[in-house]
Amino acid sequence: MQLLTSVGSTFGEANYHLQFTPKYRRDVFLDEEVRALCRESFRTTCEGLGIGMEACEFGPDHVHLFVSG
Protein backbone atom coordinates (compact mmCIF):
# COMPACT_ATOMS: atom_id res chain seq x y z
CA MET A 1 0.00 0.00 0.00
CA GLN A 2 1.47 3.32 -1.08
CA LEU A 3 0.58 6.45 0.88
CA LEU A 4 -0.26 9.72 -0.82
CA THR A 5 2.37 12.44 -0.73
CA SER A 6 1.55 15.67 1.09
CA VAL A 7 2.70 18.91 -0.55
CA GLY A 8 1.44 22.08 1.12
CA SER A 9 -2.30 21.70 1.53
CA THR A 10 -2.75 19.00 -1.12
CA PHE A 11 -2.29 15.24 -1.30
CA GLY A 12 -1.50 13.13 -4.33
CA GLU A 13 0.94 10.90 -6.10
CA ALA A 14 2.75 10.84 -9.42
CA ASN A 15 4.02 7.67 -11.09
CA TYR A 16 6.04 7.62 -14.28
CA HIS A 17 7.16 4.93 -16.69
CA LEU A 18 10.36 5.86 -18.52
CA GLN A 19 11.96 3.86 -21.32
CA PHE A 20 15.56 4.36 -22.40
CA THR A 21 16.81 2.93 -25.68
CA PRO A 22 20.42 3.21 -26.92
CA LYS A 23 21.15 4.48 -30.41
CA TYR A 24 20.44 1.88 -33.11
CA ARG A 25 18.89 -0.35 -30.38
CA ARG A 26 22.22 -2.05 -29.70
CA ASP A 27 22.16 -5.02 -27.30
CA VAL A 28 24.26 -3.29 -24.64
CA PHE A 29 22.16 -4.54 -21.69
CA LEU A 30 23.08 -8.20 -22.20
CA ASP A 31 26.18 -7.53 -20.07
CA GLU A 32 25.44 -7.82 -16.31
CA GLU A 33 28.12 -5.23 -15.48
CA VAL A 34 26.42 -2.65 -17.72
CA ARG A 35 23.04 -3.40 -16.10
CA ALA A 36 24.51 -3.05 -12.59
CA LEU A 37 26.20 0.25 -13.47
CA CYS A 38 23.00 1.66 -14.98
CA ARG A 39 20.87 0.47 -12.05
CA GLU A 40 23.22 2.17 -9.58
CA SER A 41 23.28 5.36 -11.67
CA PHE A 42 19.47 5.46 -11.78
CA ARG A 43 19.28 4.85 -8.00
CA THR A 44 21.79 7.65 -7.25
CA THR A 45 19.97 10.08 -9.56
CA CYS A 46 16.58 9.28 -8.01
CA GLU A 47 17.94 9.79 -4.49
CA GLY A 48 19.46 13.11 -5.53
CA LEU A 49 16.14 14.26 -6.97
CA GLY A 50 14.14 13.00 -4.00
CA ILE A 51 12.01 10.56 -6.01
CA GLY A 52 11.49 6.84 -5.55
CA MET A 53 12.76 4.23 -7.97
CA GLU A 54 9.98 1.62 -7.87
CA ALA A 55 11.33 -0.79 -10.50
CA CYS A 56 14.08 -1.09 -13.07
CA GLU A 57 13.82 -3.82 -15.72
CA PHE A 58 16.16 -4.48 -18.64
CA GLY A 59 15.58 -5.90 -22.09
CA PRO A 60 18.54 -6.65 -24.35
CA ASP A 61 18.21 -3.24 -26.03
CA HIS A 62 16.18 -1.04 -23.65
CA VAL A 63 15.41 -0.20 -20.01
CA HIS A 64 12.08 0.32 -18.30
CA LEU A 65 12.29 2.55 -15.24
CA PHE A 66 9.30 3.16 -12.96
CA VAL A 67 9.60 6.15 -10.63
CA SER A 68 7.27 7.88 -8.19
CA GLY A 69 7.34 11.35 -6.75
C-alpha atoms as a PDB file:
ATOM      1  CA  MET A   1       0.000   0.000   0.000  1.00  0.00           C
ATOM      2  CA  GLN A   2       1.473   3.324  -1.077  1.00  0.00           C
ATOM      3  CA  LEU A   3       0.582   6.452   0.877  1.00  0.00           C
ATOM      4  CA  LEU A   4      -0.261   9.718  -0.815  1.00  0.00           C
ATOM      5  CA  THR A   5       2.369  12.441  -0.732  1.00  0.00           C
ATOM      6  CA  SER A   6       1.546  15.672   1.086  1.00  0.00           C
ATOM      7  CA  VAL A   7       2.697  18.913  -0.551  1.00  0.00           C
ATOM      8  CA  GLY A   8       1.443  22.084   1.121  1.00  0.00           C
ATOM      9  CA  SER A   9      -2.305  21.702   1.530  1.00  0.00           C
ATOM     10  CA  THR A  10      -2.747  18.998  -1.124  1.00  0.00           C
ATOM     11  CA  PHE A  11      -2.294  15.237  -1.301  1.00  0.00           C
ATOM     12  CA  GLY A  12      -1.502  13.130  -4.328  1.00  0.00           C
ATOM     13  CA  GLU A  13       0.940  10.900  -6.099  1.00  0.00           C
ATOM     14  CA  ALA A  14       2.753  10.841  -9.416  1.00  0.00           C
ATOM     15  CA  ASN A  15       4.017   7.668 -11.087  1.00  0.00           C
ATOM     16  CA  TYR A  16       6.037   7.620 -14.283  1.00  0.00           C
ATOM     17  CA  HIS A  17       7.157   4.926 -16.685  1.00  0.00           C
ATOM     18  CA  LEU A  18      10.363   5.858 -18.522  1.00  0.00           C
ATOM     19  CA  GLN A  19      11.958   3.863 -21.318  1.00  0.00           C
ATOM     20  CA  PHE A  20      15.555   4.358 -22.398  1.00  0.00           C
ATOM     21  CA  THR A  21      16.814   2.932 -25.681  1.00  0.00           C
ATOM     22  CA  PRO A  22      20.420   3.206 -26.924  1.00  0.00           C
ATOM     23  CA  LYS A  23      21.150   4.483 -30.406  1.00  0.00           C
ATOM     24  CA  TYR A  24      20.442   1.877 -33.107  1.00  0.00           C
ATOM     25  CA  ARG A  25      18.889  -0.353 -30.383  1.00  0.00           C
ATOM     26  CA  ARG A  26      22.218  -2.045 -29.698  1.00  0.00           C
ATOM     27  CA  ASP A  27      22.160  -5.021 -27.304  1.00  0.00           C
ATOM     28  CA  VAL A  28      24.263  -3.292 -24.636  1.00  0.00           C
ATOM     29  CA  PHE A  29      22.159  -4.538 -21.693  1.00  0.00           C
ATOM     30  CA  LEU A  30      23.075  -8.197 -22.196  1.00  0.00           C
ATOM     31  CA  ASP A  31      26.179  -7.525 -20.067  1.00  0.00           C
ATOM     32  CA  GLU A  32      25.436  -7.824 -16.308  1.00  0.00           C
ATOM     33  CA  GLU A  33      28.117  -5.227 -15.475  1.00  0.00           C
ATOM     34  CA  VAL A  34      26.419  -2.648 -17.720  1.00  0.00           C
ATOM     35  CA  ARG A  35      23.036  -3.395 -16.099  1.00  0.00           C
ATOM     36  CA  ALA A  36      24.505  -3.046 -12.589  1.00  0.00           C
ATOM     37  CA  LEU A  37      26.201   0.245 -13.470  1.00  0.00           C
ATOM     38  CA  CYS A  38      22.996   1.660 -14.984  1.00  0.00           C
ATOM     39  CA  ARG A  39      20.867   0.468 -12.053  1.00  0.00           C
ATOM     40  CA  GLU A  40      23.218   2.173  -9.579  1.00  0.00           C
ATOM     41  CA  SER A  41      23.279   5.364 -11.669  1.00  0.00           C
ATOM     42  CA  PHE A  42      19.469   5.456 -11.778  1.00  0.00           C
ATOM     43  CA  ARG A  43      19.278   4.847  -8.004  1.00  0.00           C
ATOM     44  CA  THR A  44      21.786   7.650  -7.255  1.00  0.00           C
ATOM     45  CA  THR A  45      19.971  10.078  -9.557  1.00  0.00           C
ATOM     46  CA  CYS A  46      16.578   9.284  -8.009  1.00  0.00           C
ATOM     47  CA  GLU A  47      17.945   9.785  -4.491  1.00  0.00           C
ATOM     48  CA  GLY A  48      19.464  13.114  -5.526  1.00  0.00           C
ATOM     49  CA  LEU A  49      16.144  14.263  -6.974  1.00  0.00           C
ATOM     50  CA  GLY A  50      14.139  13.001  -4.002  1.00  0.00           C
ATOM     51  CA  ILE A  51      12.006  10.563  -6.006  1.00  0.00           C
ATOM     52  CA  GLY A  52      11.489   6.841  -5.551  1.00  0.00           C
ATOM     53  CA  MET A  53      12.756   4.225  -7.973  1.00  0.00           C
ATOM     54  CA  GLU A  54       9.976   1.623  -7.869  1.00  0.00           C
ATOM     55  CA  ALA A  55      11.327  -0.791 -10.499  1.00  0.00           C
ATOM     56  CA  CYS A  56      14.082  -1.089 -13.072  1.00  0.00           C
ATOM     57  CA  GLU A  57      13.816  -3.821 -15.721  1.00  0.00           C
ATOM     58  CA  PHE A  58      16.162  -4.481 -18.639  1.00  0.00           C
ATOM     59  CA  GLY A  59      15.577  -5.900 -22.088  1.00  0.00           C
ATOM     60  CA  PRO A  60      18.537  -6.654 -24.350  1.00  0.00           C
ATOM     61  CA  ASP A  61      18.214  -3.241 -26.032  1.00  0.00           C
ATOM     62  CA  HIS A  62      16.181  -1.042 -23.651  1.00  0.00           C
ATOM     63  CA  VAL A  63      15.415  -0.199 -20.008  1.00  0.00           C
ATOM     64  CA  HIS A  64      12.076   0.324 -18.299  1.00  0.00           C
ATOM     65  CA  LEU A  65      12.287   2.549 -15.241  1.00  0.00           C
ATOM     66  CA  PHE A  66       9.303   3.156 -12.963  1.00  0.00           C
ATOM     67  CA  VAL A  67       9.597   6.145 -10.630  1.00  0.00           C
ATOM     68  CA  SER A  68       7.265   7.879  -8.188  1.00  0.00           C
ATOM     69  CA  GLY A  69       7.339  11.349  -6.750  1.00  0.00           C
END
